N, C-alpha and C. Protein backbone atom coordinates (compact mmCIF):
# COMPACT_ATOMS: atom_id res chain seq x y z
N MET A 1 -10.94 24.57 -12.48
CA MET A 1 -9.59 24.51 -11.95
C MET A 1 -9.51 23.44 -10.86
N LYS A 2 -8.35 22.89 -10.62
CA LYS A 2 -8.17 21.83 -9.64
C LYS A 2 -8.55 22.29 -8.24
N ASN A 3 -9.29 21.42 -7.55
CA ASN A 3 -9.67 21.69 -6.17
C ASN A 3 -8.48 21.32 -5.28
N THR A 4 -7.74 22.31 -4.82
CA THR A 4 -6.52 22.05 -4.05
C THR A 4 -6.80 21.63 -2.62
N ASN A 5 -8.07 21.62 -2.22
CA ASN A 5 -8.41 21.19 -0.86
C ASN A 5 -8.43 19.68 -0.72
N LEU A 6 -8.45 18.95 -1.83
CA LEU A 6 -8.48 17.51 -1.77
C LEU A 6 -7.07 16.95 -1.90
N GLN A 7 -6.87 15.81 -1.31
CA GLN A 7 -5.56 15.17 -1.29
C GLN A 7 -5.32 14.42 -2.59
N THR A 8 -4.17 14.63 -3.20
CA THR A 8 -3.81 13.89 -4.41
C THR A 8 -3.38 12.49 -4.01
N LEU A 9 -3.96 11.50 -4.68
CA LEU A 9 -3.62 10.10 -4.44
C LEU A 9 -2.51 9.62 -5.35
N LYS A 10 -2.63 9.99 -6.63
CA LYS A 10 -1.75 9.40 -7.62
C LYS A 10 -1.57 10.37 -8.78
N GLU A 11 -0.41 10.29 -9.38
CA GLU A 11 -0.12 11.04 -10.60
C GLU A 11 0.21 10.01 -11.67
N MET A 12 -0.39 10.17 -12.83
CA MET A 12 -0.16 9.22 -13.93
C MET A 12 -0.07 10.00 -15.24
N THR A 13 0.54 9.36 -16.23
CA THR A 13 0.63 9.94 -17.57
C THR A 13 -0.13 9.03 -18.53
N VAL A 14 -0.92 9.63 -19.42
CA VAL A 14 -1.70 8.88 -20.40
C VAL A 14 -0.75 8.18 -21.36
N LEU A 15 -0.83 6.86 -21.40
CA LEU A 15 0.06 6.04 -22.22
C LEU A 15 -0.48 5.89 -23.64
N PRO A 16 0.40 5.66 -24.63
CA PRO A 16 -0.04 5.52 -26.02
C PRO A 16 -1.09 4.42 -26.21
N GLU A 17 -0.92 3.31 -25.48
CA GLU A 17 -1.85 2.19 -25.66
C GLU A 17 -3.24 2.46 -25.06
N TRP A 18 -3.40 3.56 -24.36
CA TRP A 18 -4.69 3.94 -23.80
C TRP A 18 -5.54 4.77 -24.77
N ILE A 19 -4.97 5.12 -25.91
CA ILE A 19 -5.65 6.00 -26.85
C ILE A 19 -6.55 5.18 -27.79
N ASP A 20 -7.77 5.68 -28.00
CA ASP A 20 -8.72 4.97 -28.86
C ASP A 20 -8.77 5.58 -30.26
N HIS A 21 -9.69 5.10 -31.07
CA HIS A 21 -9.81 5.55 -32.46
C HIS A 21 -10.24 7.01 -32.59
N ASN A 22 -10.68 7.63 -31.49
CA ASN A 22 -11.05 9.05 -31.50
C ASN A 22 -9.88 9.96 -31.13
N GLY A 23 -8.73 9.36 -30.82
CA GLY A 23 -7.54 10.15 -30.51
C GLY A 23 -7.44 10.63 -29.08
N HIS A 24 -8.30 10.09 -28.19
CA HIS A 24 -8.20 10.44 -26.77
C HIS A 24 -8.25 9.16 -25.92
N MET A 25 -8.10 9.31 -24.62
CA MET A 25 -8.05 8.15 -23.74
C MET A 25 -9.38 7.41 -23.78
N ASN A 26 -9.29 6.11 -23.98
CA ASN A 26 -10.46 5.24 -24.02
C ASN A 26 -11.11 5.14 -22.64
N VAL A 27 -12.42 5.00 -22.60
CA VAL A 27 -13.17 4.98 -21.34
C VAL A 27 -12.66 3.92 -20.37
N ALA A 28 -12.23 2.79 -20.86
CA ALA A 28 -11.76 1.72 -19.98
C ALA A 28 -10.56 2.16 -19.15
N TYR A 29 -9.73 3.02 -19.69
CA TYR A 29 -8.52 3.44 -18.99
C TYR A 29 -8.81 4.49 -17.93
N TYR A 30 -9.89 5.23 -18.08
CA TYR A 30 -10.31 6.12 -16.99
C TYR A 30 -10.60 5.27 -15.76
N VAL A 31 -11.32 4.16 -15.98
CA VAL A 31 -11.65 3.26 -14.87
C VAL A 31 -10.37 2.65 -14.29
N LEU A 32 -9.42 2.27 -15.14
CA LEU A 32 -8.15 1.73 -14.67
C LEU A 32 -7.41 2.74 -13.79
N VAL A 33 -7.34 4.00 -14.24
CA VAL A 33 -6.66 5.03 -13.46
C VAL A 33 -7.34 5.22 -12.11
N PHE A 34 -8.66 5.27 -12.08
CA PHE A 34 -9.38 5.41 -10.81
C PHE A 34 -9.15 4.19 -9.92
N ASP A 35 -9.14 2.99 -10.50
CA ASP A 35 -8.94 1.78 -9.72
C ASP A 35 -7.54 1.73 -9.11
N GLN A 36 -6.53 2.10 -9.89
CA GLN A 36 -5.17 2.11 -9.35
C GLN A 36 -5.02 3.18 -8.26
N SER A 37 -5.76 4.26 -8.38
CA SER A 37 -5.74 5.30 -7.34
C SER A 37 -6.42 4.80 -6.07
N LEU A 38 -7.47 4.00 -6.22
CA LEU A 38 -8.14 3.41 -5.06
C LEU A 38 -7.16 2.55 -4.27
N ASP A 39 -6.28 1.83 -4.97
CA ASP A 39 -5.26 1.02 -4.29
C ASP A 39 -4.38 1.88 -3.39
N VAL A 40 -4.04 3.08 -3.84
CA VAL A 40 -3.22 3.99 -3.04
C VAL A 40 -3.98 4.41 -1.78
N LEU A 41 -5.27 4.72 -1.94
CA LEU A 41 -6.09 5.10 -0.78
C LEU A 41 -6.17 3.95 0.22
N LEU A 42 -6.35 2.74 -0.26
CA LEU A 42 -6.43 1.59 0.65
C LEU A 42 -5.15 1.47 1.48
N GLU A 43 -4.02 1.71 0.86
CA GLU A 43 -2.74 1.71 1.60
C GLU A 43 -2.76 2.79 2.69
N GLN A 44 -3.25 3.99 2.35
CA GLN A 44 -3.26 5.10 3.29
C GLN A 44 -4.11 4.83 4.52
N ILE A 45 -5.21 4.10 4.34
CA ILE A 45 -6.09 3.84 5.48
C ILE A 45 -5.71 2.53 6.19
N GLU A 46 -4.61 1.92 5.77
CA GLU A 46 -4.06 0.71 6.36
C GLU A 46 -4.82 -0.56 5.99
N LEU A 47 -5.54 -0.50 4.87
CA LEU A 47 -6.16 -1.70 4.32
C LEU A 47 -5.19 -2.24 3.26
N THR A 48 -4.05 -2.68 3.74
CA THR A 48 -2.90 -3.03 2.92
C THR A 48 -2.99 -4.47 2.39
N PRO A 49 -2.15 -4.82 1.42
CA PRO A 49 -2.10 -6.22 0.98
C PRO A 49 -1.77 -7.17 2.13
N GLU A 50 -0.90 -6.73 3.04
CA GLU A 50 -0.53 -7.58 4.19
C GLU A 50 -1.75 -7.81 5.10
N TYR A 51 -2.52 -6.75 5.34
CA TYR A 51 -3.75 -6.89 6.13
C TYR A 51 -4.71 -7.85 5.44
N ARG A 52 -4.89 -7.68 4.13
CA ARG A 52 -5.84 -8.52 3.40
C ARG A 52 -5.42 -9.98 3.44
N GLU A 53 -4.12 -10.24 3.27
CA GLU A 53 -3.64 -11.62 3.30
C GLU A 53 -3.79 -12.24 4.69
N ALA A 54 -3.41 -11.50 5.72
CA ALA A 54 -3.46 -12.03 7.09
C ALA A 54 -4.88 -12.21 7.60
N SER A 55 -5.79 -11.32 7.21
CA SER A 55 -7.15 -11.34 7.75
C SER A 55 -8.14 -12.13 6.91
N GLY A 56 -7.81 -12.35 5.64
CA GLY A 56 -8.78 -12.98 4.74
C GLY A 56 -9.88 -12.02 4.34
N ASN A 57 -9.65 -10.73 4.54
CA ASN A 57 -10.62 -9.71 4.18
C ASN A 57 -10.09 -8.89 3.01
N THR A 58 -11.00 -8.28 2.28
CA THR A 58 -10.64 -7.43 1.16
C THR A 58 -11.78 -6.44 0.94
N VAL A 59 -11.74 -5.72 -0.16
CA VAL A 59 -12.85 -4.85 -0.53
C VAL A 59 -13.28 -5.16 -1.95
N TYR A 60 -14.58 -5.00 -2.19
CA TYR A 60 -15.16 -5.09 -3.53
C TYR A 60 -15.80 -3.74 -3.83
N VAL A 61 -15.66 -3.29 -5.06
CA VAL A 61 -16.40 -2.11 -5.51
C VAL A 61 -17.78 -2.60 -5.94
N LEU A 62 -18.82 -2.12 -5.26
CA LEU A 62 -20.19 -2.55 -5.54
C LEU A 62 -20.82 -1.77 -6.68
N GLU A 63 -20.47 -0.49 -6.76
CA GLU A 63 -21.08 0.37 -7.77
C GLU A 63 -20.12 1.50 -8.07
N THR A 64 -20.11 1.92 -9.31
CA THR A 64 -19.29 3.06 -9.70
C THR A 64 -20.03 3.87 -10.76
N HIS A 65 -19.88 5.17 -10.70
CA HIS A 65 -20.49 6.07 -11.68
C HIS A 65 -19.38 7.00 -12.16
N VAL A 66 -18.98 6.83 -13.42
CA VAL A 66 -17.92 7.64 -14.00
C VAL A 66 -18.54 8.72 -14.88
N SER A 67 -18.09 9.94 -14.69
CA SER A 67 -18.49 11.06 -15.56
C SER A 67 -17.26 11.49 -16.34
N TYR A 68 -17.39 11.50 -17.67
CA TYR A 68 -16.32 11.91 -18.56
C TYR A 68 -16.60 13.35 -18.95
N LEU A 69 -15.78 14.28 -18.46
CA LEU A 69 -16.09 15.70 -18.58
C LEU A 69 -15.27 16.41 -19.66
N GLN A 70 -14.02 16.03 -19.81
CA GLN A 70 -13.17 16.65 -20.83
C GLN A 70 -12.11 15.64 -21.21
N GLU A 71 -11.84 15.53 -22.51
CA GLU A 71 -10.92 14.50 -22.97
C GLU A 71 -9.47 14.78 -22.57
N VAL A 72 -8.75 13.68 -22.39
CA VAL A 72 -7.30 13.75 -22.19
C VAL A 72 -6.65 12.92 -23.29
N LYS A 73 -5.41 13.28 -23.60
CA LYS A 73 -4.73 12.68 -24.75
C LYS A 73 -3.38 12.11 -24.34
N GLU A 74 -2.79 11.40 -25.26
CA GLU A 74 -1.49 10.76 -25.03
C GLU A 74 -0.48 11.76 -24.48
N GLY A 75 0.21 11.34 -23.41
CA GLY A 75 1.25 12.16 -22.80
C GLY A 75 0.75 13.13 -21.75
N ASP A 76 -0.57 13.32 -21.65
CA ASP A 76 -1.10 14.24 -20.63
C ASP A 76 -0.83 13.69 -19.24
N ALA A 77 -0.37 14.55 -18.35
CA ALA A 77 -0.17 14.18 -16.95
C ALA A 77 -1.48 14.39 -16.20
N LEU A 78 -1.84 13.41 -15.38
CA LEU A 78 -3.10 13.43 -14.64
C LEU A 78 -2.83 13.40 -13.14
N LEU A 79 -3.66 14.09 -12.40
CA LEU A 79 -3.65 14.03 -10.93
C LEU A 79 -4.99 13.49 -10.48
N ILE A 80 -4.95 12.47 -9.62
CA ILE A 80 -6.18 11.89 -9.08
C ILE A 80 -6.28 12.25 -7.61
N SER A 81 -7.39 12.88 -7.25
CA SER A 81 -7.64 13.24 -5.85
C SER A 81 -8.93 12.56 -5.42
N PHE A 82 -9.21 12.62 -4.11
CA PHE A 82 -10.35 11.88 -3.59
C PHE A 82 -10.98 12.59 -2.41
N ARG A 83 -12.18 12.15 -2.10
CA ARG A 83 -12.84 12.51 -0.85
C ARG A 83 -13.59 11.29 -0.35
N VAL A 84 -13.60 11.12 0.98
CA VAL A 84 -14.46 10.13 1.61
C VAL A 84 -15.78 10.85 1.87
N VAL A 85 -16.81 10.46 1.14
CA VAL A 85 -18.12 11.09 1.27
C VAL A 85 -18.81 10.60 2.54
N ASP A 86 -18.74 9.29 2.76
CA ASP A 86 -19.39 8.68 3.92
C ASP A 86 -18.75 7.32 4.14
N CYS A 87 -18.95 6.79 5.34
CA CYS A 87 -18.45 5.45 5.64
C CYS A 87 -19.18 4.92 6.87
N ASP A 88 -19.24 3.62 6.95
CA ASP A 88 -19.71 2.96 8.16
C ASP A 88 -18.80 1.76 8.39
N GLU A 89 -19.21 0.85 9.22
CA GLU A 89 -18.29 -0.25 9.57
C GLU A 89 -17.95 -1.17 8.40
N LYS A 90 -18.81 -1.19 7.36
CA LYS A 90 -18.58 -2.09 6.24
C LYS A 90 -18.43 -1.40 4.88
N ARG A 91 -18.89 -0.16 4.77
CA ARG A 91 -18.95 0.50 3.46
C ARG A 91 -18.18 1.81 3.44
N ILE A 92 -17.68 2.12 2.24
CA ILE A 92 -16.98 3.39 2.00
C ILE A 92 -17.58 4.01 0.75
N HIS A 93 -18.08 5.23 0.88
CA HIS A 93 -18.60 5.99 -0.27
C HIS A 93 -17.52 6.99 -0.64
N LEU A 94 -16.97 6.85 -1.83
CA LEU A 94 -15.84 7.66 -2.28
C LEU A 94 -16.21 8.48 -3.51
N PHE A 95 -15.50 9.58 -3.66
CA PHE A 95 -15.61 10.40 -4.86
C PHE A 95 -14.20 10.75 -5.29
N LEU A 96 -13.82 10.34 -6.50
CA LEU A 96 -12.49 10.60 -7.03
C LEU A 96 -12.58 11.58 -8.19
N GLU A 97 -11.57 12.43 -8.30
CA GLU A 97 -11.51 13.42 -9.36
C GLU A 97 -10.20 13.26 -10.14
N MET A 98 -10.31 13.35 -11.46
CA MET A 98 -9.14 13.29 -12.34
C MET A 98 -8.96 14.68 -12.98
N HIS A 99 -7.83 15.30 -12.67
CA HIS A 99 -7.52 16.61 -13.23
C HIS A 99 -6.33 16.51 -14.17
N HIS A 100 -6.34 17.35 -15.19
CA HIS A 100 -5.18 17.50 -16.06
C HIS A 100 -4.15 18.28 -15.25
N LYS A 101 -2.95 17.74 -15.11
CA LYS A 101 -1.96 18.34 -14.22
C LYS A 101 -1.55 19.75 -14.66
N GLU A 102 -1.23 19.93 -15.93
CA GLU A 102 -0.73 21.23 -16.38
C GLU A 102 -1.84 22.26 -16.55
N LEU A 103 -2.95 21.85 -17.15
CA LEU A 103 -4.02 22.79 -17.48
C LEU A 103 -5.05 22.94 -16.34
N GLY A 104 -5.06 21.98 -15.42
CA GLY A 104 -5.90 22.09 -14.23
C GLY A 104 -7.35 21.72 -14.40
N PHE A 105 -7.81 21.40 -15.62
CA PHE A 105 -9.23 21.13 -15.78
C PHE A 105 -9.62 19.76 -15.21
N LEU A 106 -10.88 19.67 -14.81
CA LEU A 106 -11.45 18.42 -14.32
C LEU A 106 -11.83 17.58 -15.53
N ALA A 107 -11.15 16.45 -15.70
CA ALA A 107 -11.36 15.59 -16.87
C ALA A 107 -12.44 14.54 -16.63
N ALA A 108 -12.49 13.99 -15.41
CA ALA A 108 -13.46 12.93 -15.11
C ALA A 108 -13.62 12.79 -13.61
N THR A 109 -14.73 12.17 -13.23
CA THR A 109 -14.97 11.85 -11.82
C THR A 109 -15.44 10.41 -11.72
N SER A 110 -15.23 9.82 -10.56
CA SER A 110 -15.71 8.46 -10.30
C SER A 110 -16.26 8.41 -8.88
N GLU A 111 -17.55 8.15 -8.78
CA GLU A 111 -18.19 7.96 -7.48
C GLU A 111 -18.31 6.45 -7.26
N GLN A 112 -17.89 5.99 -6.08
CA GLN A 112 -17.82 4.55 -5.83
C GLN A 112 -18.38 4.19 -4.47
N MET A 113 -19.02 3.02 -4.43
CA MET A 113 -19.42 2.41 -3.16
C MET A 113 -18.59 1.14 -3.03
N VAL A 114 -17.83 1.08 -1.94
CA VAL A 114 -16.89 -0.01 -1.71
C VAL A 114 -17.35 -0.77 -0.46
N LEU A 115 -17.29 -2.10 -0.52
CA LEU A 115 -17.73 -2.94 0.58
C LEU A 115 -16.57 -3.77 1.10
N HIS A 116 -16.40 -3.80 2.42
CA HIS A 116 -15.39 -4.63 3.07
C HIS A 116 -15.94 -6.05 3.17
N ILE A 117 -15.15 -7.02 2.72
CA ILE A 117 -15.61 -8.40 2.54
C ILE A 117 -14.73 -9.39 3.29
N ASP A 118 -15.36 -10.39 3.90
CA ASP A 118 -14.68 -11.58 4.38
C ASP A 118 -14.69 -12.55 3.19
N THR A 119 -13.53 -12.86 2.66
CA THR A 119 -13.45 -13.65 1.43
C THR A 119 -13.87 -15.10 1.61
N SER A 120 -13.99 -15.59 2.84
CA SER A 120 -14.38 -16.99 3.03
C SER A 120 -15.85 -17.20 2.69
N GLY A 121 -16.63 -16.13 2.62
CA GLY A 121 -18.06 -16.22 2.29
C GLY A 121 -18.32 -16.31 0.81
N PRO A 122 -18.02 -15.33 0.02
CA PRO A 122 -17.72 -13.98 0.52
C PRO A 122 -18.97 -13.32 1.07
N ARG A 123 -18.75 -12.49 2.11
CA ARG A 123 -19.86 -11.76 2.73
C ARG A 123 -19.33 -10.49 3.36
N ALA A 124 -20.21 -9.51 3.51
CA ALA A 124 -19.83 -8.24 4.13
C ALA A 124 -19.32 -8.50 5.54
N HIS A 125 -18.31 -7.72 5.90
CA HIS A 125 -17.67 -7.92 7.21
C HIS A 125 -17.16 -6.57 7.71
N PRO A 126 -17.34 -6.26 9.00
CA PRO A 126 -16.86 -4.98 9.52
C PRO A 126 -15.34 -4.82 9.39
N MET A 127 -14.94 -3.59 9.09
CA MET A 127 -13.51 -3.26 9.06
C MET A 127 -13.00 -3.14 10.49
N PRO A 128 -11.72 -3.38 10.71
CA PRO A 128 -11.15 -3.15 12.04
C PRO A 128 -11.31 -1.68 12.44
N LYS A 129 -11.36 -1.45 13.74
CA LYS A 129 -11.60 -0.10 14.27
C LYS A 129 -10.58 0.91 13.75
N HIS A 130 -9.30 0.55 13.69
CA HIS A 130 -8.30 1.52 13.25
C HIS A 130 -8.54 1.97 11.80
N ILE A 131 -9.02 1.08 10.94
CA ILE A 131 -9.32 1.45 9.56
C ILE A 131 -10.56 2.34 9.53
N GLN A 132 -11.58 1.98 10.32
CA GLN A 132 -12.78 2.83 10.41
C GLN A 132 -12.41 4.22 10.92
N ASP A 133 -11.53 4.28 11.91
CA ASP A 133 -11.10 5.58 12.45
C ASP A 133 -10.35 6.40 11.39
N ASN A 134 -9.50 5.74 10.61
CA ASN A 134 -8.79 6.44 9.54
C ASN A 134 -9.77 7.04 8.54
N LEU A 135 -10.78 6.26 8.19
CA LEU A 135 -11.79 6.74 7.24
C LEU A 135 -12.59 7.91 7.82
N LYS A 136 -12.98 7.79 9.08
CA LYS A 136 -13.77 8.85 9.72
C LYS A 136 -12.97 10.16 9.78
N THR A 137 -11.68 10.06 10.05
CA THR A 137 -10.82 11.25 10.07
C THR A 137 -10.80 11.91 8.69
N LEU A 138 -10.64 11.11 7.64
CA LEU A 138 -10.65 11.65 6.29
C LEU A 138 -12.02 12.25 5.95
N GLN A 139 -13.09 11.53 6.31
CA GLN A 139 -14.43 12.02 6.02
C GLN A 139 -14.67 13.38 6.68
N LYS A 140 -14.27 13.50 7.93
CA LYS A 140 -14.45 14.77 8.64
C LYS A 140 -13.69 15.89 7.95
N SER A 141 -12.46 15.63 7.57
CA SER A 141 -11.64 16.62 6.87
C SER A 141 -12.26 17.01 5.53
N HIS A 142 -12.73 16.02 4.79
CA HIS A 142 -13.30 16.28 3.47
C HIS A 142 -14.66 16.96 3.53
N SER A 143 -15.36 16.82 4.65
CA SER A 143 -16.68 17.44 4.77
C SER A 143 -16.58 18.97 4.81
N LEU A 144 -15.39 19.50 5.04
CA LEU A 144 -15.19 20.95 5.07
C LEU A 144 -15.08 21.55 3.66
N THR A 145 -14.94 20.69 2.66
CA THR A 145 -14.81 21.12 1.27
C THR A 145 -16.18 21.00 0.58
N PRO A 146 -16.57 21.99 -0.19
CA PRO A 146 -17.87 21.91 -0.88
C PRO A 146 -17.99 20.65 -1.73
N SER A 147 -19.18 20.08 -1.76
CA SER A 147 -19.42 18.88 -2.56
C SER A 147 -19.37 19.20 -4.05
N PRO A 148 -18.80 18.30 -4.84
CA PRO A 148 -18.75 18.51 -6.29
C PRO A 148 -20.14 18.35 -6.92
N ASN A 149 -20.34 18.99 -8.05
CA ASN A 149 -21.62 18.93 -8.74
C ASN A 149 -21.99 17.51 -9.16
N GLN A 150 -21.02 16.68 -9.47
CA GLN A 150 -21.30 15.34 -9.96
C GLN A 150 -21.69 14.36 -8.86
N LEU A 151 -21.47 14.71 -7.61
CA LEU A 151 -21.75 13.79 -6.50
C LEU A 151 -23.24 13.47 -6.46
N GLY A 152 -23.57 12.19 -6.52
CA GLY A 152 -24.95 11.74 -6.45
C GLY A 152 -25.74 11.94 -7.72
N ALA A 153 -25.05 12.24 -8.82
CA ALA A 153 -25.75 12.51 -10.08
C ALA A 153 -26.45 11.27 -10.60
N ALA A 154 -27.62 11.48 -11.16
CA ALA A 154 -28.37 10.40 -11.79
C ALA A 154 -28.13 10.44 -13.29
N ILE A 155 -28.27 9.30 -13.92
CA ILE A 155 -28.12 9.23 -15.36
C ILE A 155 -29.51 9.19 -15.98
N GLY A 156 -29.67 9.89 -17.07
CA GLY A 156 -30.95 9.91 -17.76
C GLY A 156 -30.98 10.99 -18.82
N ILE A 157 -31.97 10.92 -19.67
CA ILE A 157 -32.15 11.92 -20.73
C ILE A 157 -33.07 13.00 -20.19
N ARG A 158 -32.57 14.23 -20.18
CA ARG A 158 -33.40 15.35 -19.73
C ARG A 158 -34.30 15.79 -20.88
N ARG A 159 -35.56 15.91 -20.59
CA ARG A 159 -36.52 16.31 -21.61
C ARG A 159 -37.27 17.54 -21.14
N LYS A 160 -37.53 18.40 -22.09
CA LYS A 160 -38.36 19.58 -21.79
C LYS A 160 -39.81 19.16 -21.70
N ILE A 161 -40.49 19.71 -20.74
CA ILE A 161 -41.91 19.45 -20.60
C ILE A 161 -42.65 20.40 -21.52
N VAL A 162 -43.43 19.83 -22.42
CA VAL A 162 -44.19 20.62 -23.37
C VAL A 162 -45.59 20.86 -22.78
N SER A 163 -45.96 22.12 -22.67
CA SER A 163 -47.29 22.39 -22.09
C SER A 163 -48.28 22.81 -23.13
């Protein structure tokens, strides 16, 4: 069921052109939905397009791990929520969740490491204090919610040890 302790970033509906030959949303569009939700979060922490243009700074996603847990289909309404797992002056560790709006099930998750960049390099660059403070406030709030099972998950084939 949906974790109501996390803040919803974005609501989207699965579009017909997102459906693949298996009759459900193609993996590329899960990433698109998470990416568009990240844009909403950046606005909330004041890392806005205006800030990026004026400062010459932006963010790059360095790594992402998507877990596809349950399929969604054309017309399904989705809710994307997030948590700030950790942050420092240059990096943001995020965990996003995609829930089916009506049925409440967790459809997918995306764990991301985001880096604040000076585009003239490009090179890592500290975020302004007010943005760091916004992130720390969110991180503190989110730390009160139990961590999801997928957080920090490794990919690999599990094998039984034969003795």
